[in-house]
Amino acid sequence: MDNNTTKPYLDRMIDEEKQLGERIEKLRVFILKNDLFHSLSQQKKNLMKGQLHAMMLYQHFLRERINLEDSNALAESYNNA
């Protein structure tokens, strides 16, 4: 966000949320569409699925914190991307 009235920590949270979203999508695609995933041991697959779940949960809480600070901040940041 380029708005000078934006709080620096809010900008950092928004940046983190975007990066996390990209990582979530990459892991989700790997789990759903990559044949290599299916060749892994069940333990490794379970750990990766658990990691994806934890990342999504973390993203949820990060978004809630961002919305508490500024309910329009996420929408604006994605519109300006």
Protein backbone atom coordinates (compact mmCIF):
# COMPACT_ATOMS: atom_id res chain seq x y z
CA MET A 1 0.00 0.00 0.00
CA ASP A 2 1.37 3.42 -0.93
CA ASN A 3 -1.00 5.41 1.26
CA ASN A 4 1.10 7.47 3.70
CA THR A 5 -1.58 7.14 6.38
CA THR A 6 -1.23 3.36 6.41
CA LYS A 7 0.41 1.92 9.47
CA PRO A 8 3.76 0.25 8.67
CA TYR A 9 2.86 -2.93 10.56
CA LEU A 10 -0.37 -3.16 8.56
CA ASP A 11 1.65 -3.01 5.34
CA ARG A 12 3.88 -5.79 6.67
CA MET A 13 0.87 -7.95 7.56
CA ILE A 14 -0.62 -7.41 4.11
CA ASP A 15 2.67 -8.34 2.44
CA GLU A 16 2.90 -11.43 4.61
CA GLU A 17 -0.68 -12.43 3.77
CA LYS A 18 0.04 -12.14 0.04
CA GLN A 19 3.23 -14.20 0.28
CA LEU A 20 1.46 -16.78 2.40
CA GLY A 21 -1.36 -16.97 -0.15
CA GLU A 22 1.16 -17.69 -2.91
CA ARG A 23 2.80 -20.45 -0.85
CA ILE A 24 -0.58 -21.95 0.01
CA GLU A 25 -1.54 -22.07 -3.64
CA LYS A 26 1.75 -23.71 -4.65
CA LEU A 27 1.44 -26.38 -1.98
CA ARG A 28 -2.23 -26.94 -2.79
CA VAL A 29 -1.45 -27.43 -6.48
CA PHE A 30 1.40 -29.80 -5.62
CA ILE A 31 -0.87 -31.89 -3.42
CA LEU A 32 -3.74 -31.98 -5.90
CA LYS A 33 -1.99 -32.17 -9.26
CA ASN A 34 1.59 -33.38 -8.97
CA ASP A 35 2.23 -37.08 -9.48
CA LEU A 36 5.30 -36.84 -7.24
CA PHE A 37 3.02 -36.16 -4.28
CA HIS A 38 1.25 -39.48 -4.82
CA SER A 39 4.56 -41.35 -4.82
CA LEU A 40 5.47 -40.08 -1.33
CA SER A 41 5.01 -42.13 1.80
CA GLN A 42 1.71 -41.75 3.60
CA GLN A 43 3.50 -40.06 6.49
CA LYS A 44 5.01 -37.41 4.19
CA LYS A 45 1.67 -36.83 2.48
CA ASN A 46 -0.06 -36.44 5.85
CA LEU A 47 2.58 -33.98 7.01
CA MET A 48 2.23 -31.89 3.85
CA LYS A 49 -1.55 -31.86 4.16
CA GLY A 50 -1.20 -30.84 7.81
CA GLN A 51 1.19 -28.08 6.82
CA LEU A 52 -1.29 -26.80 4.23
CA HIS A 53 -4.04 -26.80 6.84
CA ALA A 54 -1.85 -24.90 9.32
CA MET A 55 -0.90 -22.34 6.67
CA MET A 56 -4.54 -21.77 5.78
CA LEU A 57 -5.45 -21.38 9.44
CA TYR A 58 -2.60 -18.91 9.90
CA GLN A 59 -3.81 -16.96 6.85
CA HIS A 60 -7.31 -16.81 8.33
CA PHE A 61 -6.05 -15.28 11.57
CA LEU A 62 -3.76 -12.90 9.72
CA ARG A 63 -6.68 -11.70 7.61
CA GLU A 64 -8.79 -11.20 10.73
CA ARG A 65 -6.04 -9.07 12.30
CA ILE A 66 -5.74 -7.01 9.09
CA ASN A 67 -9.51 -6.50 8.96
CA LEU A 68 -9.53 -5.30 12.57
CA GLU A 69 -7.07 -2.59 11.62
CA ASP A 70 -8.67 -1.61 8.33
CA SER A 71 -11.63 -3.49 6.88
CA ASN A 72 -10.77 -2.34 3.33
CA ALA A 73 -7.01 -2.87 3.42
CA LEU A 74 -6.90 -6.34 1.87
CA ALA A 75 -9.34 -5.54 -0.92
CA GLU A 76 -7.48 -2.35 -1.73
CA SER A 77 -4.12 -4.11 -1.73
CA TYR A 78 -5.33 -6.75 -4.19
CA ASN A 79 -7.00 -4.13 -6.40
CA ASN A 80 -3.70 -2.20 -6.56
CA ALA A 81 -1.64 -5.28 -7.38
